[in-house]
Amino acid sequence: MFDDVAARYDLTNDVLSLGQDRRWRRVVASVVAAASGERILDLAAGTGTSSLPFAAAGATVVSCDFSLGMLAVGGRRYRHLRFVAGDALRLPFRGAAFDAVTISFGLRNVADVDAALRELYRVCRPGGRLCVCEFSHPGWAPLRRIYLEYLVRGLPAVARRVSSNPESYEYLADSIRAWPDPAALAERIGRAGWQQVGWRNLSSGIVAVHRAVRA
């Protein structure tokens, strides 16, 4: 599915989010706080757009994704990034290999979310940071109703105009509706071993950014 949308993935995300995805990436970059010389794992990196702020900060970034189509597009577009194919449930990296690990809009697509959180824990060094950016649920009931209506009707309609595979965005809407709220996700992150778990709501709760530290 993700191979089919790779060519216009970034454009489609920009349109569907009304440009908010750029702000979300800036917040993730501030939470990760990559420093020169650090090693950062950007899981579910897609075409690598999410990895750019970390590289700009002087960190060594590994852009990892399960979709070979996404990696191929990213490799042509950003030749200075290192792209690696990998499964979130069995990452191809040694333990404690990274100073920070992050995943944006990808954890929701993993078959076993808890196993993926444990894998991220395994490859993060003690004292290292986790950042998870994912769609969430607005707390204000009127906005939540409008948002759900957009997911059901608006998002697929827009995707049919701009995406190379609009059917895949119907899955996107379904997966967002089934995703846990920020408190429930924070609890699952803690159960995977992470400590100091917290989160910040963005865009009135449409997105939540969780942060944590490996003990």
N, C-alpha and C. Protein backbone atom coordinates (compact mmCIF):
# COMPACT_ATOMS: atom_id res chain seq x y z
N MET A 1 0.82 -1.21 0.00
CA MET A 1 0.00 0.00 0.00
C MET A 1 0.86 1.27 0.00
N PHE A 2 1.89 1.32 0.86
CA PHE A 2 2.70 2.52 0.96
C PHE A 2 3.59 2.70 -0.26
N ASP A 3 3.99 1.60 -0.89
CA ASP A 3 4.74 1.72 -2.14
C ASP A 3 3.92 2.48 -3.18
N ASP A 4 2.62 2.25 -3.21
CA ASP A 4 1.75 2.84 -4.22
C ASP A 4 1.57 4.34 -4.05
N VAL A 5 1.74 4.85 -2.84
CA VAL A 5 1.52 6.29 -2.59
C VAL A 5 2.82 7.06 -2.48
N ALA A 6 3.96 6.39 -2.64
CA ALA A 6 5.25 7.02 -2.36
C ALA A 6 5.52 8.25 -3.21
N ALA A 7 5.18 8.20 -4.49
CA ALA A 7 5.54 9.28 -5.41
C ALA A 7 4.95 10.63 -5.00
N ARG A 8 3.72 10.63 -4.48
CA ARG A 8 3.07 11.89 -4.11
C ARG A 8 2.73 11.93 -2.62
N TYR A 9 3.46 11.15 -1.84
CA TYR A 9 3.15 11.01 -0.41
C TYR A 9 3.25 12.33 0.33
N ASP A 10 4.35 13.05 0.16
CA ASP A 10 4.56 14.29 0.91
C ASP A 10 3.57 15.36 0.48
N LEU A 11 3.31 15.46 -0.82
CA LEU A 11 2.33 16.43 -1.31
C LEU A 11 0.94 16.14 -0.75
N THR A 12 0.56 14.86 -0.77
CA THR A 12 -0.76 14.48 -0.26
C THR A 12 -0.90 14.81 1.23
N ASN A 13 0.14 14.52 2.01
CA ASN A 13 0.09 14.83 3.44
C ASN A 13 -0.06 16.32 3.68
N ASP A 14 0.64 17.11 2.89
CA ASP A 14 0.58 18.56 3.04
C ASP A 14 -0.83 19.07 2.76
N VAL A 15 -1.45 18.53 1.72
CA VAL A 15 -2.80 18.96 1.36
C VAL A 15 -3.82 18.50 2.40
N LEU A 16 -3.75 17.22 2.77
CA LEU A 16 -4.75 16.67 3.70
C LEU A 16 -4.69 17.32 5.08
N SER A 17 -3.49 17.73 5.49
CA SER A 17 -3.33 18.35 6.82
C SER A 17 -3.46 19.86 6.77
N LEU A 18 -3.76 20.41 5.59
CA LEU A 18 -3.86 21.87 5.41
C LEU A 18 -2.56 22.56 5.82
N GLY A 19 -1.44 21.89 5.57
CA GLY A 19 -0.13 22.46 5.88
C GLY A 19 0.31 22.29 7.31
N GLN A 20 -0.53 21.70 8.16
CA GLN A 20 -0.19 21.55 9.58
C GLN A 20 0.96 20.56 9.79
N ASP A 21 1.18 19.66 8.83
CA ASP A 21 2.25 18.66 9.00
C ASP A 21 3.61 19.32 9.16
N ARG A 22 3.80 20.49 8.60
CA ARG A 22 5.08 21.18 8.74
C ARG A 22 5.29 21.63 10.19
N ARG A 23 4.23 22.12 10.81
CA ARG A 23 4.32 22.52 12.22
C ARG A 23 4.57 21.30 13.09
N TRP A 24 3.89 20.20 12.80
CA TRP A 24 4.07 18.98 13.59
C TRP A 24 5.52 18.51 13.53
N ARG A 25 6.13 18.59 12.34
CA ARG A 25 7.53 18.18 12.22
C ARG A 25 8.45 19.09 13.03
N ARG A 26 8.14 20.37 13.07
CA ARG A 26 8.96 21.29 13.88
C ARG A 26 8.88 20.95 15.36
N VAL A 27 7.70 20.59 15.83
CA VAL A 27 7.55 20.21 17.24
C VAL A 27 8.33 18.93 17.53
N VAL A 28 8.24 17.95 16.64
CA VAL A 28 8.99 16.70 16.82
C VAL A 28 10.49 17.01 16.89
N ALA A 29 10.95 17.87 16.00
CA ALA A 29 12.38 18.22 16.00
C ALA A 29 12.79 18.84 17.33
N SER A 30 11.92 19.68 17.91
CA SER A 30 12.26 20.31 19.20
C SER A 30 12.24 19.31 20.34
N VAL A 31 11.35 18.31 20.28
CA VAL A 31 11.28 17.29 21.33
C VAL A 31 12.49 16.35 21.24
N VAL A 32 12.83 15.93 20.03
CA VAL A 32 13.99 15.06 19.85
C VAL A 32 15.27 15.80 20.24
N ALA A 33 15.35 17.08 19.89
CA ALA A 33 16.50 17.93 20.25
C ALA A 33 17.81 17.29 19.82
N ALA A 34 17.88 16.89 18.56
CA ALA A 34 19.09 16.26 18.04
C ALA A 34 20.28 17.20 18.14
N ALA A 35 21.42 16.65 18.52
CA ALA A 35 22.64 17.44 18.65
C ALA A 35 23.71 16.88 17.73
N SER A 36 24.66 17.71 17.39
CA SER A 36 25.75 17.29 16.52
C SER A 36 26.48 16.09 17.12
N GLY A 37 26.69 15.08 16.29
CA GLY A 37 27.40 13.89 16.73
C GLY A 37 26.51 12.79 17.26
N GLU A 38 25.23 13.08 17.53
CA GLU A 38 24.32 12.05 18.01
C GLU A 38 23.86 11.16 16.87
N ARG A 39 23.40 9.96 17.24
CA ARG A 39 22.81 9.03 16.28
C ARG A 39 21.31 8.98 16.53
N ILE A 40 20.55 9.26 15.49
CA ILE A 40 19.09 9.33 15.59
C ILE A 40 18.48 8.28 14.66
N LEU A 41 17.53 7.50 15.18
CA LEU A 41 16.74 6.59 14.36
C LEU A 41 15.39 7.23 14.08
N ASP A 42 15.11 7.45 12.80
CA ASP A 42 13.80 7.95 12.38
C ASP A 42 13.06 6.78 11.75
N LEU A 43 12.22 6.13 12.55
CA LEU A 43 11.49 4.94 12.09
C LEU A 43 10.21 5.36 11.38
N ALA A 44 9.83 4.58 10.36
CA ALA A 44 8.69 4.93 9.51
C ALA A 44 8.96 6.28 8.85
N ALA A 45 10.19 6.47 8.41
CA ALA A 45 10.63 7.75 7.87
C ALA A 45 10.05 8.04 6.49
N GLY A 46 9.50 7.03 5.83
CA GLY A 46 8.93 7.26 4.51
C GLY A 46 9.98 7.74 3.52
N THR A 47 9.73 8.90 2.91
CA THR A 47 10.67 9.44 1.93
C THR A 47 11.80 10.23 2.57
N GLY A 48 11.82 10.33 3.90
CA GLY A 48 12.91 10.99 4.59
C GLY A 48 12.68 12.44 4.96
N THR A 49 11.51 12.99 4.61
CA THR A 49 11.24 14.39 4.93
C THR A 49 11.33 14.65 6.44
N SER A 50 10.84 13.70 7.23
CA SER A 50 10.88 13.86 8.69
C SER A 50 12.29 13.81 9.25
N SER A 51 13.24 13.27 8.49
CA SER A 51 14.62 13.14 8.97
C SER A 51 15.44 14.41 8.76
N LEU A 52 14.99 15.29 7.91
CA LEU A 52 15.80 16.45 7.52
C LEU A 52 16.20 17.34 8.70
N PRO A 53 15.31 17.65 9.66
CA PRO A 53 15.73 18.52 10.76
C PRO A 53 16.86 17.92 11.61
N PHE A 54 16.86 16.61 11.75
CA PHE A 54 17.90 15.96 12.56
C PHE A 54 19.25 16.05 11.86
N ALA A 55 19.25 15.83 10.55
CA ALA A 55 20.49 15.95 9.79
C ALA A 55 20.99 17.39 9.79
N ALA A 56 20.05 18.35 9.70
CA ALA A 56 20.44 19.75 9.71
C ALA A 56 21.08 20.15 11.04
N ALA A 57 20.72 19.45 12.12
CA ALA A 57 21.31 19.74 13.43
C ALA A 57 22.69 19.12 13.60
N GLY A 58 23.14 18.36 12.61
CA GLY A 58 24.47 17.75 12.67
C GLY A 58 24.49 16.33 13.19
N ALA A 59 23.30 15.76 13.42
CA ALA A 59 23.24 14.37 13.89
C ALA A 59 23.40 13.41 12.72
N THR A 60 23.79 12.18 13.04
CA THR A 60 23.81 11.10 12.07
C THR A 60 22.45 10.42 12.12
N VAL A 61 21.71 10.49 11.03
CA VAL A 61 20.33 10.02 11.00
C VAL A 61 20.23 8.75 10.16
N VAL A 62 19.50 7.77 10.68
CA VAL A 62 19.14 6.59 9.91
C VAL A 62 17.64 6.67 9.65
N SER A 63 17.28 6.78 8.37
CA SER A 63 15.87 6.84 7.97
C SER A 63 15.43 5.43 7.62
N CYS A 64 14.61 4.84 8.48
CA CYS A 64 14.24 3.43 8.36
C CYS A 64 12.76 3.31 8.03
N ASP A 65 12.43 2.44 7.07
CA ASP A 65 11.04 2.24 6.70
C ASP A 65 10.87 0.83 6.14
N PHE A 66 9.63 0.32 6.26
CA PHE A 66 9.31 -1.01 5.74
C PHE A 66 9.04 -0.98 4.24
N SER A 67 8.66 0.18 3.72
CA SER A 67 8.27 0.32 2.31
C SER A 67 9.48 0.60 1.43
N LEU A 68 9.79 -0.32 0.55
CA LEU A 68 10.91 -0.11 -0.37
C LEU A 68 10.60 1.01 -1.36
N GLY A 69 9.33 1.17 -1.69
CA GLY A 69 8.94 2.25 -2.60
C GLY A 69 9.22 3.61 -1.99
N MET A 70 8.89 3.77 -0.72
CA MET A 70 9.18 5.03 -0.02
C MET A 70 10.68 5.29 0.02
N LEU A 71 11.44 4.27 0.35
CA LEU A 71 12.89 4.42 0.44
C LEU A 71 13.50 4.79 -0.90
N ALA A 72 12.98 4.23 -1.98
CA ALA A 72 13.50 4.53 -3.31
C ALA A 72 13.27 5.99 -3.66
N VAL A 73 12.06 6.50 -3.37
CA VAL A 73 11.77 7.90 -3.64
C VAL A 73 12.66 8.80 -2.78
N GLY A 74 12.78 8.46 -1.49
CA GLY A 74 13.61 9.25 -0.60
C GLY A 74 15.08 9.24 -1.00
N GLY A 75 15.57 8.08 -1.43
CA GLY A 75 16.96 7.98 -1.82
C GLY A 75 17.30 8.85 -3.01
N ARG A 76 16.36 8.99 -3.93
CA ARG A 76 16.57 9.88 -5.08
C ARG A 76 16.46 11.35 -4.70
N ARG A 77 15.62 11.63 -3.72
CA ARG A 77 15.33 13.02 -3.35
C ARG A 77 16.36 13.58 -2.38
N TYR A 78 16.78 12.77 -1.41
CA TYR A 78 17.70 13.23 -0.36
C TYR A 78 18.92 12.32 -0.32
N ARG A 79 19.86 12.60 -1.15
CA ARG A 79 21.03 11.71 -1.29
C ARG A 79 21.97 11.78 -0.09
N HIS A 80 21.83 12.79 0.75
CA HIS A 80 22.70 12.92 1.91
C HIS A 80 22.20 12.12 3.11
N LEU A 81 20.98 11.55 3.02
CA LEU A 81 20.45 10.75 4.11
C LEU A 81 20.77 9.28 3.91
N ARG A 82 20.82 8.55 5.00
CA ARG A 82 21.04 7.10 4.94
C ARG A 82 19.70 6.40 5.13
N PHE A 83 19.27 5.68 4.11
CA PHE A 83 18.00 4.96 4.15
C PHE A 83 18.25 3.47 4.36
N VAL A 84 17.48 2.88 5.28
CA VAL A 84 17.63 1.46 5.61
C VAL A 84 16.24 0.83 5.64
N ALA A 85 16.08 -0.30 4.97
CA ALA A 85 14.83 -1.05 5.04
C ALA A 85 14.79 -1.83 6.35
N GLY A 86 13.65 -1.77 7.04
CA GLY A 86 13.57 -2.47 8.32
C GLY A 86 12.15 -2.63 8.80
N ASP A 87 11.93 -3.69 9.55
CA ASP A 87 10.64 -4.00 10.15
C ASP A 87 10.63 -3.48 11.59
N ALA A 88 9.63 -2.71 11.95
CA ALA A 88 9.55 -2.13 13.29
C ALA A 88 9.51 -3.19 14.38
N LEU A 89 9.10 -4.42 14.03
CA LEU A 89 9.02 -5.49 15.02
C LEU A 89 10.32 -6.27 15.15
N ARG A 90 11.26 -6.02 14.24
CA ARG A 90 12.57 -6.68 14.29
C ARG A 90 13.58 -5.76 13.62
N LEU A 91 13.97 -4.72 14.33
CA LEU A 91 14.83 -3.71 13.74
C LEU A 91 16.23 -4.26 13.48
N PRO A 92 16.84 -3.90 12.35
CA PRO A 92 18.16 -4.44 11.97
C PRO A 92 19.31 -3.65 12.59
N PHE A 93 19.22 -3.37 13.89
CA PHE A 93 20.25 -2.60 14.57
C PHE A 93 20.59 -3.26 15.90
N ARG A 94 21.82 -3.07 16.34
CA ARG A 94 22.24 -3.62 17.63
C ARG A 94 21.57 -2.84 18.76
N GLY A 95 21.60 -3.42 19.95
CA GLY A 95 21.02 -2.77 21.11
C GLY A 95 21.77 -1.50 21.47
N ALA A 96 21.04 -0.52 22.00
CA ALA A 96 21.61 0.74 22.49
C ALA A 96 22.41 1.48 21.43
N ALA A 97 21.96 1.40 20.17
CA ALA A 97 22.72 1.98 19.06
C ALA A 97 22.45 3.47 18.85
N PHE A 98 21.35 3.98 19.41
CA PHE A 98 20.93 5.35 19.10
C PHE A 98 20.76 6.20 20.36
N ASP A 99 21.06 7.49 20.19
CA ASP A 99 20.84 8.44 21.28
C ASP A 99 19.38 8.85 21.39
N ALA A 100 18.65 8.80 20.29
CA ALA A 100 17.23 9.12 20.29
C ALA A 100 16.55 8.31 19.19
N VAL A 101 15.30 7.93 19.45
CA VAL A 101 14.52 7.19 18.46
C VAL A 101 13.17 7.90 18.32
N THR A 102 12.67 7.97 17.10
CA THR A 102 11.42 8.67 16.87
C THR A 102 10.62 8.00 15.77
N ILE A 103 9.32 8.11 15.86
CA ILE A 103 8.44 7.57 14.83
C ILE A 103 7.25 8.52 14.71
N SER A 104 6.99 8.97 13.49
CA SER A 104 5.90 9.92 13.23
C SER A 104 4.89 9.30 12.27
N PHE A 105 3.66 9.18 12.74
CA PHE A 105 2.55 8.70 11.92
C PHE A 105 2.83 7.31 11.34
N GLY A 106 3.54 6.50 12.12
CA GLY A 106 3.85 5.15 11.67
C GLY A 106 3.50 4.08 12.69
N LEU A 107 3.47 4.45 13.97
CA LEU A 107 3.20 3.46 15.01
C LEU A 107 1.80 2.87 14.84
N ARG A 108 0.88 3.69 14.36
CA ARG A 108 -0.50 3.25 14.15
C ARG A 108 -0.60 2.14 13.10
N ASN A 109 0.39 2.06 12.22
CA ASN A 109 0.36 1.10 11.12
C ASN A 109 1.10 -0.20 11.43
N VAL A 110 1.67 -0.31 12.62
CA VAL A 110 2.44 -1.50 12.99
C VAL A 110 1.48 -2.59 13.50
N ALA A 111 1.76 -3.84 13.15
CA ALA A 111 0.87 -4.95 13.53
C ALA A 111 0.82 -5.15 15.04
N ASP A 112 1.93 -4.90 15.73
CA ASP A 112 2.00 -5.09 17.18
C ASP A 112 2.65 -3.84 17.79
N VAL A 113 1.84 -2.91 18.23
CA VAL A 113 2.33 -1.62 18.73
C VAL A 113 3.24 -1.81 19.93
N ASP A 114 2.87 -2.68 20.85
CA ASP A 114 3.66 -2.87 22.08
C ASP A 114 5.03 -3.48 21.76
N ALA A 115 5.07 -4.41 20.82
CA ALA A 115 6.35 -5.00 20.42
C ALA A 115 7.24 -3.95 19.75
N ALA A 116 6.65 -3.07 18.96
CA ALA A 116 7.43 -2.01 18.32
C ALA A 116 8.01 -1.05 19.36
N LEU A 117 7.23 -0.71 20.38
CA LEU A 117 7.74 0.15 21.44
C LEU A 117 8.88 -0.51 22.20
N ARG A 118 8.81 -1.83 22.36
CA ARG A 118 9.91 -2.55 23.02
C ARG A 118 11.14 -2.59 22.12
N GLU A 119 10.97 -2.71 20.82
CA GLU A 119 12.10 -2.70 19.90
C GLU A 119 12.78 -1.34 19.90
N LEU A 120 11.99 -0.28 19.92
CA LEU A 120 12.58 1.06 20.00
C LEU A 120 13.35 1.22 21.30
N TYR A 121 12.83 0.66 22.38
CA TYR A 121 13.53 0.69 23.66
C TYR A 121 14.87 -0.05 23.56
N ARG A 122 14.85 -1.19 22.90
CA ARG A 122 16.07 -2.02 22.79
C ARG A 122 17.19 -1.28 22.07
N VAL A 123 16.87 -0.56 21.00
CA VAL A 123 17.93 0.06 20.20
C VAL A 123 18.31 1.45 20.69
N CYS A 124 17.62 1.94 21.73
CA CYS A 124 17.95 3.25 22.30
C CYS A 124 18.90 3.07 23.49
N ARG A 125 19.89 3.91 23.59
CA ARG A 125 20.85 3.79 24.68
C ARG A 125 20.21 4.19 26.00
N PRO A 126 20.73 3.73 27.13
CA PRO A 126 20.25 4.21 28.44
C PRO A 126 20.40 5.73 28.53
N GLY A 127 19.34 6.38 28.96
CA GLY A 127 19.32 7.82 29.00
C GLY A 127 18.86 8.47 27.70
N GLY A 128 18.66 7.66 26.66
CA GLY A 128 18.23 8.18 25.37
C GLY A 128 16.75 8.52 25.35
N ARG A 129 16.33 9.19 24.28
CA ARG A 129 14.98 9.75 24.21
C ARG A 129 14.12 9.04 23.16
N LEU A 130 12.84 9.03 23.45
CA LEU A 130 11.82 8.55 22.51
C LEU A 130 10.87 9.70 22.20
N CYS A 131 10.49 9.81 20.92
CA CYS A 131 9.46 10.76 20.51
C CYS A 131 8.51 10.04 19.56
N VAL A 132 7.23 10.04 19.89
CA VAL A 132 6.19 9.44 19.05
C VAL A 132 5.21 10.52 18.66
N CYS A 133 5.05 10.77 17.37
CA CYS A 133 4.06 11.71 16.88
C CYS A 133 2.99 10.92 16.14
N GLU A 134 1.75 11.08 16.57
CA GLU A 134 0.69 10.26 15.97
C GLU A 134 -0.64 11.00 16.00
N PHE A 135 -1.52 10.64 15.09
CA PHE A 135 -2.87 11.20 15.11
C PHE A 135 -3.56 10.82 16.43
N SER A 136 -4.50 11.67 16.85
CA SER A 136 -5.15 11.44 18.13
C SER A 136 -6.62 11.84 18.01
N HIS A 137 -7.21 12.23 19.13
CA HIS A 137 -8.64 12.53 19.17
C HIS A 137 -8.86 13.86 19.88
N PRO A 138 -9.45 14.85 19.22
CA PRO A 138 -9.74 16.13 19.89
C PRO A 138 -10.60 15.92 21.12
N GLY A 139 -10.28 16.63 22.20
CA GLY A 139 -11.03 16.48 23.43
C GLY A 139 -12.36 17.22 23.42
N TRP A 140 -12.45 18.30 22.65
CA TRP A 140 -13.68 19.10 22.60
C TRP A 140 -14.68 18.40 21.69
N ALA A 141 -15.83 18.04 22.22
CA ALA A 141 -16.79 17.20 21.50
C ALA A 141 -17.22 17.77 20.15
N PRO A 142 -17.56 19.07 20.02
CA PRO A 142 -17.96 19.59 18.70
C PRO A 142 -16.85 19.44 17.66
N LEU A 143 -15.60 19.73 18.05
CA LEU A 143 -14.49 19.58 17.11
C LEU A 143 -14.28 18.11 16.76
N ARG A 144 -14.45 17.24 17.76
CA ARG A 144 -14.28 15.81 17.50
C ARG A 144 -15.28 15.32 16.46
N ARG A 145 -16.52 15.80 16.53
CA ARG A 145 -17.52 15.40 15.54
C ARG A 145 -17.16 15.90 14.14
N ILE A 146 -16.69 17.15 14.07
CA ILE A 146 -16.28 17.70 12.77
C ILE A 146 -15.10 16.92 12.21
N TYR A 147 -14.15 16.60 13.08
CA TYR A 147 -12.95 15.86 12.66
C TYR A 147 -13.32 14.47 12.15
N LEU A 148 -14.19 13.77 12.86
CA LEU A 148 -14.60 12.45 12.43
C LEU A 148 -15.34 12.51 11.09
N GLU A 149 -16.14 13.55 10.90
CA GLU A 149 -16.84 13.72 9.63
C GLU A 149 -15.83 13.95 8.50
N TYR A 150 -14.79 14.72 8.80
CA TYR A 150 -13.74 14.93 7.80
C TYR A 150 -13.03 13.63 7.45
N LEU A 151 -12.75 12.81 8.46
CA LEU A 151 -12.07 11.53 8.20
C LEU A 151 -12.92 10.62 7.32
N VAL A 152 -14.22 10.63 7.58
CA VAL A 152 -15.11 9.72 6.86
C VAL A 152 -15.40 10.21 5.44
N ARG A 153 -15.62 11.52 5.29
CA ARG A 153 -16.06 12.05 3.99
C ARG A 153 -15.03 12.94 3.31
N GLY A 154 -14.49 13.88 4.05
CA GLY A 154 -13.61 14.87 3.44
C GLY A 154 -12.27 14.31 3.01
N LEU A 155 -11.62 13.58 3.91
CA LEU A 155 -10.28 13.07 3.61
C LEU A 155 -10.27 12.17 2.37
N PRO A 156 -11.15 11.18 2.24
CA PRO A 156 -11.13 10.35 1.03
C PRO A 156 -11.40 11.16 -0.24
N ALA A 157 -12.27 12.18 -0.13
CA ALA A 157 -12.57 12.99 -1.31
C ALA A 157 -11.35 13.78 -1.77
N VAL A 158 -10.63 14.37 -0.83
CA VAL A 158 -9.42 15.11 -1.18
C VAL A 158 -8.36 14.16 -1.72
N ALA A 159 -8.22 12.99 -1.07
CA ALA A 159 -7.21 12.01 -1.51
C ALA A 159 -7.44 11.57 -2.95
N ARG A 160 -8.70 11.48 -3.36
CA ARG A 160 -8.99 11.08 -4.74
C ARG A 160 -8.46 12.09 -5.75
N ARG A 161 -8.27 13.33 -5.32
CA ARG A 161 -7.78 14.36 -6.22
C ARG A 161 -6.26 14.46 -6.25
N VAL A 162 -5.60 14.14 -5.14
CA VAL A 162 -4.15 14.42 -5.07
C VAL A 162 -3.28 13.18 -4.88
N SER A 163 -3.85 12.06 -4.42
CA SER A 163 -3.02 10.89 -4.13
C SER A 163 -2.93 9.96 -5.33
N SER A 164 -1.79 9.25 -5.41
CA SER A 164 -1.61 8.25 -6.46
C SER A 164 -2.34 6.95 -6.13
N ASN A 165 -2.82 6.81 -4.88
CA ASN A 165 -3.58 5.63 -4.48
C ASN A 165 -4.59 6.05 -3.41
N PRO A 166 -5.69 6.70 -3.83
CA PRO A 166 -6.64 7.26 -2.85
C PRO A 166 -7.28 6.22 -1.95
N GLU A 167 -7.40 4.97 -2.39
CA GLU A 167 -8.04 3.94 -1.56
C GLU A 167 -7.28 3.73 -0.26
N SER A 168 -5.97 3.92 -0.29
CA SER A 168 -5.18 3.71 0.91
C SER A 168 -5.55 4.70 2.01
N TYR A 169 -6.09 5.84 1.66
CA TYR A 169 -6.44 6.84 2.66
C TYR A 169 -7.77 6.53 3.34
N GLU A 170 -8.53 5.62 2.79
CA GLU A 170 -9.69 5.12 3.52
C GLU A 170 -9.23 4.30 4.72
N TYR A 171 -8.16 3.52 4.51
CA TYR A 171 -7.55 2.79 5.64
C TYR A 171 -7.02 3.78 6.68
N LEU A 172 -6.43 4.87 6.22
CA LEU A 172 -5.90 5.86 7.14
C LEU A 172 -6.99 6.37 8.07
N ALA A 173 -8.14 6.70 7.51
CA ALA A 173 -9.24 7.20 8.33
C ALA A 173 -9.69 6.17 9.35
N ASP A 174 -9.80 4.92 8.93
CA ASP A 174 -10.23 3.85 9.84
C ASP A 174 -9.23 3.67 10.98
N SER A 175 -7.94 3.70 10.66
CA SER A 175 -6.91 3.47 11.67
C SER A 175 -6.86 4.60 12.69
N ILE A 176 -7.13 5.83 12.25
CA ILE A 176 -7.15 6.96 13.18
C ILE A 176 -8.31 6.83 14.17
N ARG A 177 -9.48 6.45 13.67
CA ARG A 177 -10.64 6.30 14.55
C ARG A 177 -10.42 5.22 15.60
N ALA A 178 -9.65 4.18 15.26
CA ALA A 178 -9.43 3.07 16.18
C ALA A 178 -8.26 3.29 17.14
N TRP A 179 -7.52 4.37 16.96
CA TRP A 179 -6.30 4.61 17.74
C TRP A 179 -6.63 5.07 19.15
N PRO A 180 -5.83 4.69 20.16
CA PRO A 180 -6.11 5.09 21.55
C PRO A 180 -5.90 6.58 21.78
N ASP A 181 -6.50 7.09 22.85
CA ASP A 181 -6.30 8.49 23.20
C ASP A 181 -4.91 8.67 23.81
N PRO A 182 -4.44 9.89 24.01
CA PRO A 182 -3.06 10.12 24.48
C PRO A 182 -2.73 9.45 25.81
N ALA A 183 -3.67 9.45 26.76
CA ALA A 183 -3.39 8.83 28.06
C ALA A 183 -3.21 7.32 27.92
N ALA A 184 -4.03 6.68 27.09
CA ALA A 184 -3.92 5.24 26.89
C ALA A 184 -2.61 4.89 26.19
N LEU A 185 -2.21 5.71 25.21
CA LEU A 185 -0.94 5.46 24.53
C LEU A 185 0.23 5.66 25.49
N ALA A 186 0.15 6.68 26.33
CA ALA A 186 1.22 6.91 27.31
C ALA A 186 1.38 5.71 28.23
N GLU A 187 0.27 5.11 28.62
CA GLU A 187 0.34 3.92 29.48
C GLU A 187 1.05 2.78 28.76
N ARG A 188 0.76 2.59 27.48
CA ARG A 188 1.41 1.52 26.73
C ARG A 188 2.90 1.79 26.56
N ILE A 189 3.27 3.04 26.37
CA ILE A 189 4.69 3.39 26.27
C ILE A 189 5.39 3.05 27.58
N GLY A 190 4.76 3.36 28.71
CA GLY A 190 5.34 3.03 30.00
C GLY A 190 5.48 1.54 30.22
N ARG A 191 4.51 0.77 29.77
CA ARG A 191 4.57 -0.69 29.92
C ARG A 191 5.72 -1.29 29.11
N ALA A 192 6.14 -0.60 28.06
CA ALA A 192 7.26 -1.09 27.25
C ALA A 192 8.60 -0.82 27.90
N GLY A 193 8.60 -0.14 29.05
CA GLY A 193 9.83 0.10 29.79
C GLY A 193 10.27 1.55 29.84
N TRP A 194 9.66 2.41 29.04
CA TRP A 194 10.04 3.81 29.00
C TRP A 194 9.60 4.53 30.28
N GLN A 195 10.37 5.55 30.65
CA GLN A 195 10.06 6.33 31.84
C GLN A 195 9.88 7.80 31.48
N GLN A 196 9.38 8.57 32.47
CA GLN A 196 9.14 10.02 32.29
C GLN A 196 8.27 10.27 31.06
N VAL A 197 7.22 9.49 30.92
CA VAL A 197 6.36 9.59 29.75
C VAL A 197 5.44 10.80 29.88
N GLY A 198 5.38 11.58 28.83
CA GLY A 198 4.48 12.72 28.78
C GLY A 198 4.05 12.97 27.36
N TRP A 199 3.10 13.87 27.20
CA TRP A 199 2.66 14.18 25.84
C TRP A 199 2.18 15.61 25.74
N ARG A 200 2.09 16.05 24.48
CA ARG A 200 1.61 17.38 24.16
C ARG A 200 0.63 17.27 23.00
N ASN A 201 -0.56 17.85 23.15
CA ASN A 201 -1.54 17.86 22.08
C ASN A 201 -1.26 19.00 21.11
N LEU A 202 -1.41 18.72 19.83
CA LEU A 202 -1.23 19.72 18.78
C LEU A 202 -2.50 19.83 17.96
N SER A 203 -2.71 21.02 17.39
CA SER A 203 -3.86 21.25 16.52
C SER A 203 -5.16 20.82 17.21
N SER A 204 -5.33 21.29 18.44
CA SER A 204 -6.53 21.02 19.24
C SER A 204 -6.77 19.54 19.50
N GLY A 205 -5.69 18.76 19.53
CA GLY A 205 -5.81 17.34 19.86
C GLY A 205 -5.90 16.43 18.66
N ILE A 206 -5.82 16.97 17.47
CA ILE A 206 -5.83 16.12 16.27
C ILE A 206 -4.57 15.25 16.23
N VAL A 207 -3.49 15.78 16.77
CA VAL A 207 -2.22 15.06 16.84
C VAL A 207 -1.70 15.15 18.27
N ALA A 208 -1.01 14.11 18.72
CA ALA A 208 -0.34 14.13 20.02
C ALA A 208 1.12 13.71 19.84
N VAL A 209 2.00 14.42 20.52
CA VAL A 209 3.43 14.08 20.51
C VAL A 209 3.80 13.57 21.90
N HIS A 210 4.20 12.31 21.97
CA HIS A 210 4.61 11.70 23.23
C HIS A 210 6.14 11.69 23.32
N ARG A 211 6.63 11.86 24.52
CA ARG A 211 8.07 11.81 24.76
C ARG A 211 8.31 10.90 25.96
N ALA A 212 9.50 10.30 25.99
CA ALA A 212 9.87 9.42 27.10
C ALA A 212 11.38 9.24 27.10
N VAL A 213 11.89 8.62 28.15
CA VAL A 213 13.34 8.40 28.31
C VAL A 213 13.57 6.95 28.68
N ARG A 214 14.65 6.37 28.13
CA ARG A 214 15.03 5.03 28.56
C ARG A 214 15.83 5.13 29.85
N ALA A 215 15.44 4.36 30.83
CA ALA A 215 16.10 4.41 32.14
C ALA A 215 17.57 4.03 31.99
